Amino acid sequence: MLDFLAENIGTIIVALVIIAICFLIIFFRIKGKKQGKSSCGCGCDCGSCGGCSFKK
């Protein structure tokens, strides 16, 4: 078991970093959604500026 970990430590670290980044992206998207922020950044309720009638 320790041989496996020693041989693959680089892959394991990269995988953990990628998983952590994905978790943070999902966390902040959910947090923003609960605060009423839209995903497109224009402040509309539809979630995509191309499909709404929001005018700046």
PDB file of N, CA and C in Angstrom:
ATOM      1  N   MET A   1       0.821  -1.197   0.000  1.00  0.00           N
ATOM      2  CA  MET A   1       0.000   0.000   0.000  1.00  0.00           C
ATOM      3  C   MET A   1       0.866   1.262   0.000  1.00  0.00           C
ATOM      4  N   LEU A   2       1.906   1.268   0.818  1.00  0.00           N
ATOM      5  CA  LEU A   2       2.775   2.437   0.852  1.00  0.00           C
ATOM      6  C   LEU A   2       3.551   2.600  -0.446  1.00  0.00           C
ATOM      7  N   ASP A   3       3.878   1.473  -1.098  1.00  0.00           N
ATOM      8  CA  ASP A   3       4.551   1.561  -2.393  1.00  0.00           C
ATOM      9  C   ASP A   3       3.661   2.240  -3.421  1.00  0.00           C
ATOM     10  N   PHE A   4       2.384   1.889  -3.412  1.00  0.00           N
ATOM     11  CA  PHE A   4       1.431   2.490  -4.336  1.00  0.00           C
ATOM     12  C   PHE A   4       1.345   3.998  -4.104  1.00  0.00           C
ATOM     13  N   LEU A   5       1.243   4.408  -2.833  1.00  0.00           N
ATOM     14  CA  LEU A   5       1.163   5.830  -2.517  1.00  0.00           C
ATOM     15  C   LEU A   5       2.439   6.564  -2.915  1.00  0.00           C
ATOM     16  N   ALA A   6       3.578   5.940  -2.667  1.00  0.00           N
ATOM     17  CA  ALA A   6       4.850   6.575  -3.008  1.00  0.00           C
ATOM     18  C   ALA A   6       5.018   6.736  -4.518  1.00  0.00           C
ATOM     19  N   GLU A   7       4.558   5.756  -5.280  1.00  0.00           N
ATOM     20  CA  GLU A   7       4.704   5.815  -6.738  1.00  0.00           C
ATOM     21  C   GLU A   7       3.727   6.786  -7.382  1.00  0.00           C
ATOM     22  N   ASN A   8       2.592   7.027  -6.741  1.00  0.00           N
ATOM     23  CA  ASN A   8       1.531   7.830  -7.352  1.00  0.00           C
ATOM     24  C   ASN A   8       1.221   9.107  -6.582  1.00  0.00           C
ATOM     25  N   ILE A   9       2.133   9.587  -5.764  1.00  0.00           N
ATOM     26  CA  ILE A   9       1.866  10.765  -4.937  1.00  0.00           C
ATOM     27  C   ILE A   9       1.567  12.002  -5.782  1.00  0.00           C
ATOM     28  N   GLY A  10       2.244  12.171  -6.895  1.00  0.00           N
ATOM     29  CA  GLY A  10       1.991  13.324  -7.765  1.00  0.00           C
ATOM     30  C   GLY A  10       0.584  13.305  -8.342  1.00  0.00           C
ATOM     31  N   THR A  11       0.161  12.153  -8.808  1.00  0.00           N
ATOM     32  CA  THR A  11      -1.187  12.006  -9.358  1.00  0.00           C
ATOM     33  C   THR A  11      -2.242  12.230  -8.288  1.00  0.00           C
ATOM     34  N   ILE A  12      -1.993  11.724  -7.105  1.00  0.00           N
ATOM     35  CA  ILE A  12      -2.945  11.874  -6.002  1.00  0.00           C
ATOM     36  C   ILE A  12      -3.076  13.342  -5.611  1.00  0.00           C
ATOM     37  N   ILE A  13      -1.974  14.054  -5.543  1.00  0.00           N
ATOM     38  CA  ILE A  13      -2.011  15.472  -5.175  1.00  0.00           C
ATOM     39  C   ILE A  13      -2.750  16.288  -6.232  1.00  0.00           C
ATOM     40  N   VAL A  14      -2.470  16.034  -7.497  1.00  0.00           N
ATOM     41  CA  VAL A  14      -3.159  16.751  -8.575  1.00  0.00           C
ATOM     42  C   VAL A  14      -4.655  16.463  -8.535  1.00  0.00           C
ATOM     43  N   ALA A  15      -5.027  15.226  -8.320  1.00  0.00           N
ATOM     44  CA  ALA A  15      -6.446  14.861  -8.238  1.00  0.00           C
ATOM     45  C   ALA A  15      -7.125  15.566  -7.069  1.00  0.00           C
ATOM     46  N   LEU A  16      -6.472  15.630  -5.931  1.00  0.00           N
ATOM     47  CA  LEU A  16      -7.046  16.306  -4.766  1.00  0.00           C
ATOM     48  C   LEU A  16      -7.207  17.805  -5.005  1.00  0.00           C
ATOM     49  N   VAL A  17      -6.248  18.416  -5.699  1.00  0.00           N
ATOM     50  CA  VAL A  17      -6.354  19.842  -6.019  1.00  0.00           C
ATOM     51  C   VAL A  17      -7.531  20.089  -6.958  1.00  0.00           C
ATOM     52  N   ILE A  18      -7.690  19.252  -7.963  1.00  0.00           N
ATOM     53  CA  ILE A  18      -8.800  19.402  -8.913  1.00  0.00           C
ATOM     54  C   ILE A  18     -10.138  19.208  -8.205  1.00  0.00           C
ATOM     55  N   ILE A  19     -10.224  18.228  -7.331  1.00  0.00           N
ATOM     56  CA  ILE A  19     -11.455  17.999  -6.573  1.00  0.00           C
ATOM     57  C   ILE A  19     -11.763  19.201  -5.681  1.00  0.00           C
ATOM     58  N   ALA A  20     -10.746  19.764  -5.042  1.00  0.00           N
ATOM     59  CA  ALA A  20     -10.944  20.927  -4.184  1.00  0.00           C
ATOM     60  C   ALA A  20     -11.430  22.133  -4.992  1.00  0.00           C
ATOM     61  N   ILE A  21     -10.865  22.355  -6.169  1.00  0.00           N
ATOM     62  CA  ILE A  21     -11.292  23.465  -7.021  1.00  0.00           C
ATOM     63  C   ILE A  21     -12.743  23.286  -7.452  1.00  0.00           C
ATOM     64  N   CYS A  22     -13.111  22.082  -7.852  1.00  0.00           N
ATOM     65  CA  CYS A  22     -14.502  21.805  -8.243  1.00  0.00           C
ATOM     66  C   CYS A  22     -15.446  22.043  -7.075  1.00  0.00           C
ATOM     67  N   PHE A  23     -15.062  21.593  -5.877  1.00  0.00           N
ATOM     68  CA  PHE A  23     -15.883  21.799  -4.696  1.00  0.00           C
ATOM     69  C   PHE A  23     -16.082  23.286  -4.429  1.00  0.00           C
ATOM     70  N   LEU A  24     -15.012  24.074  -4.526  1.00  0.00           N
ATOM     71  CA  LEU A  24     -15.118  25.505  -4.274  1.00  0.00           C
ATOM     72  C   LEU A  24     -15.996  26.204  -5.310  1.00  0.00           C
ATOM     73  N   ILE A  25     -15.890  25.802  -6.565  1.00  0.00           N
ATOM     74  CA  ILE A  25     -16.740  26.388  -7.606  1.00  0.00           C
ATOM     75  C   ILE A  25     -18.202  26.108  -7.317  1.00  0.00           C
ATOM     76  N   ILE A  26     -18.512  24.863  -6.998  1.00  0.00           N
ATOM     77  CA  ILE A  26     -19.903  24.498  -6.693  1.00  0.00           C
ATOM     78  C   ILE A  26     -20.379  25.229  -5.449  1.00  0.00           C
ATOM     79  N   PHE A  27     -19.538  25.312  -4.411  1.00  0.00           N
ATOM     80  CA  PHE A  27     -19.906  25.988  -3.173  1.00  0.00           C
ATOM     81  C   PHE A  27     -20.253  27.452  -3.421  1.00  0.00           C
ATOM     82  N   PHE A  28     -19.394  28.171  -4.157  1.00  0.00           N
ATOM     83  CA  PHE A  28     -19.641  29.585  -4.386  1.00  0.00           C
ATOM     84  C   PHE A  28     -20.813  29.820  -5.338  1.00  0.00           C
ATOM     85  N   ARG A  29     -21.069  28.896  -6.264  1.00  0.00           N
ATOM     86  CA  ARG A  29     -22.251  29.021  -7.137  1.00  0.00           C
ATOM     87  C   ARG A  29     -23.531  28.875  -6.323  1.00  0.00           C
ATOM     88  N   ILE A  30     -23.562  27.906  -5.407  1.00  0.00           N
ATOM     89  CA  ILE A  30     -24.736  27.707  -4.558  1.00  0.00           C
ATOM     90  C   ILE A  30     -24.908  28.896  -3.617  1.00  0.00           C
ATOM     91  N   LYS A  31     -23.809  29.374  -3.051  1.00  0.00           N
ATOM     92  CA  LYS A  31     -23.857  30.521  -2.147  1.00  0.00           C
ATOM     93  C   LYS A  31     -24.394  31.750  -2.880  1.00  0.00           C
ATOM     94  N   GLY A  32     -23.918  31.986  -4.097  1.00  0.00           N
ATOM     95  CA  GLY A  32     -24.394  33.111  -4.887  1.00  0.00           C
ATOM     96  C   GLY A  32     -25.862  32.983  -5.253  1.00  0.00           C
ATOM     97  N   LYS A  33     -26.287  31.777  -5.556  1.00  0.00           N
ATOM     98  CA  LYS A  33     -27.693  31.548  -5.909  1.00  0.00           C
ATOM     99  C   LYS A  33     -28.602  31.845  -4.720  1.00  0.00           C
ATOM    100  N   LYS A  34     -28.163  31.453  -3.512  1.00  0.00           N
ATOM    101  CA  LYS A  34     -28.948  31.724  -2.305  1.00  0.00           C
ATOM    102  C   LYS A  34     -29.011  33.219  -2.004  1.00  0.00           C
ATOM    103  N   GLN A  35     -27.987  33.978  -2.411  1.00  0.00           N
ATOM    104  CA  GLN A  35     -27.967  35.416  -2.196  1.00  0.00           C
ATOM    105  C   GLN A  35     -28.695  36.175  -3.299  1.00  0.00           C
ATOM    106  N   GLY A  36     -29.218  35.456  -4.272  1.00  0.00           N
ATOM    107  CA  GLY A  36     -29.988  36.075  -5.333  1.00  0.00           C
ATOM    108  C   GLY A  36     -29.172  36.543  -6.512  1.00  0.00           C
ATOM    109  N   LYS A  37     -27.915  36.163  -6.593  1.00  0.00           N
ATOM    110  CA  LYS A  37     -27.082  36.561  -7.721  1.00  0.00           C
ATOM    111  C   LYS A  37     -27.350  35.639  -8.902  1.00  0.00           C
ATOM    112  N   SER A  38     -27.346  36.205 -10.104  1.00  0.00           N
ATOM    113  CA  SER A  38     -27.547  35.386 -11.288  1.00  0.00           C
ATOM    114  C   SER A  38     -26.218  34.861 -11.787  1.00  0.00           C
ATOM    115  N   SER A  39     -26.251  33.821 -12.577  1.00  0.00           N
ATOM    116  CA  SER A  39     -25.022  33.214 -13.070  1.00  0.00           C
ATOM    117  C   SER A  39     -24.404  34.006 -14.217  1.00  0.00           C
ATOM    118  N   CYS A  40     -25.187  34.843 -14.893  1.00  0.00           N
ATOM    119  CA  CYS A  40     -24.641  35.568 -16.039  1.00  0.00           C
ATOM    120  C   CYS A  40     -23.984  36.877 -15.631  1.00  0.00           C
ATOM    121  N   GLY A  41     -24.244  37.364 -14.438  1.00  0.00           N
ATOM    122  CA  GLY A  41     -23.589  38.559 -13.951  1.00  0.00           C
ATOM    123  C   GLY A  41     -24.274  39.867 -14.299  1.00  0.00           C
ATOM    124  N   CYS A  42     -25.392  39.836 -15.013  1.00  0.00           N
ATOM    125  CA  CYS A  42     -26.049  41.091 -15.380  1.00  0.00           C
ATOM    126  C   CYS A  42     -27.132  41.493 -14.391  1.00  0.00           C
ATOM    127  N   GLY A  43     -27.457  40.638 -13.442  1.00  0.00           N
ATOM    128  CA  GLY A  43     -28.434  40.989 -12.421  1.00  0.00           C
ATOM    129  C   GLY A  43     -29.858  40.600 -12.763  1.00  0.00           C
ATOM    130  N   CYS A  44     -30.075  39.943 -13.877  1.00  0.00           N
ATOM    131  CA  CYS A  44     -31.434  39.534 -14.232  1.00  0.00           C
ATOM    132  C   CYS A  44     -31.774  38.218 -13.530  1.00  0.00           C
ATOM    133  N   ASP A  45     -33.035  37.830 -13.584  1.00  0.00           N
ATOM    134  CA  ASP A  45     -33.488  36.621 -12.920  1.00  0.00           C
ATOM    135  C   ASP A  45     -33.442  35.380 -13.802  1.00  0.00           C
ATOM    136  N   CYS A  46     -33.220  35.546 -15.085  1.00  0.00           N
ATOM    137  CA  CYS A  46     -33.315  34.405 -15.986  1.00  0.00           C
ATOM    138  C   CYS A  46     -32.062  33.532 -15.991  1.00  0.00           C
ATOM    139  N   GLY A  47     -30.909  34.086 -15.700  1.00  0.00           N
ATOM    140  CA  GLY A  47     -29.679  33.316 -15.686  1.00  0.00           C
ATOM    141  C   GLY A  47     -28.866  33.413 -16.961  1.00  0.00           C
ATOM    142  N   SER A  48     -29.424  34.005 -18.010  1.00  0.00           N
ATOM    143  CA  SER A  48     -28.611  34.242 -19.217  1.00  0.00           C
ATOM    144  C   SER A  48     -29.090  35.527 -19.874  1.00  0.00           C
ATOM    145  N   CYS A  49     -28.179  36.438 -20.097  1.00  0.00           N
ATOM    146  CA  CYS A  49     -28.546  37.757 -20.635  1.00  0.00           C
ATOM    147  C   CYS A  49     -29.103  37.686 -22.047  1.00  0.00           C
ATOM    148  N   GLY A  50     -28.722  36.689 -22.797  1.00  0.00           N
ATOM    149  CA  GLY A  50     -29.220  36.578 -24.159  1.00  0.00           C
ATOM    150  C   GLY A  50     -30.699  36.244 -24.224  1.00  0.00           C
ATOM    151  N   GLY A  51     -31.238  35.667 -23.168  1.00  0.00           N
ATOM    152  CA  GLY A  51     -32.643  35.259 -23.172  1.00  0.00           C
ATOM    153  C   GLY A  51     -33.556  36.162 -22.386  1.00  0.00           C
ATOM    154  N   CYS A  52     -33.045  37.275 -21.858  1.00  0.00           N
ATOM    155  CA  CYS A  52     -33.907  38.154 -21.061  1.00  0.00           C
ATOM    156  C   CYS A  52     -34.006  39.528 -21.707  1.00  0.00           C
ATOM    157  N   SER A  53     -34.858  40.335 -21.169  1.00  0.00           N
ATOM    158  CA  SER A  53     -35.038  41.678 -21.712  1.00  0.00           C
ATOM    159  C   SER A  53     -34.333  42.712 -20.843  1.00  0.00           C
ATOM    160  N   PHE A  54     -33.292  42.309 -20.154  1.00  0.00           N
ATOM    161  CA  PHE A  54     -32.551  43.211 -19.276  1.00  0.00           C
ATOM    162  C   PHE A  54     -31.757  44.195 -20.122  1.00  0.00           C
ATOM    163  N   LYS A  55     -31.924  45.461 -19.817  1.00  0.00           N
ATOM    164  CA  LYS A  55     -31.186  46.514 -20.523  1.00  0.00           C
ATOM    165  C   LYS A  55     -30.409  47.309 -19.496  1.00  0.00           C
ATOM    166  N   LYS A  56     -29.141  47.564 -19.796  1.00  0.00           N
ATOM    167  CA  LYS A  56     -28.302  48.365 -18.886  1.00  0.00           C
ATOM    168  C   LYS A  56     -28.562  49.825 -19.089  1.00  0.00           C
TER     169      LYS A  56
END
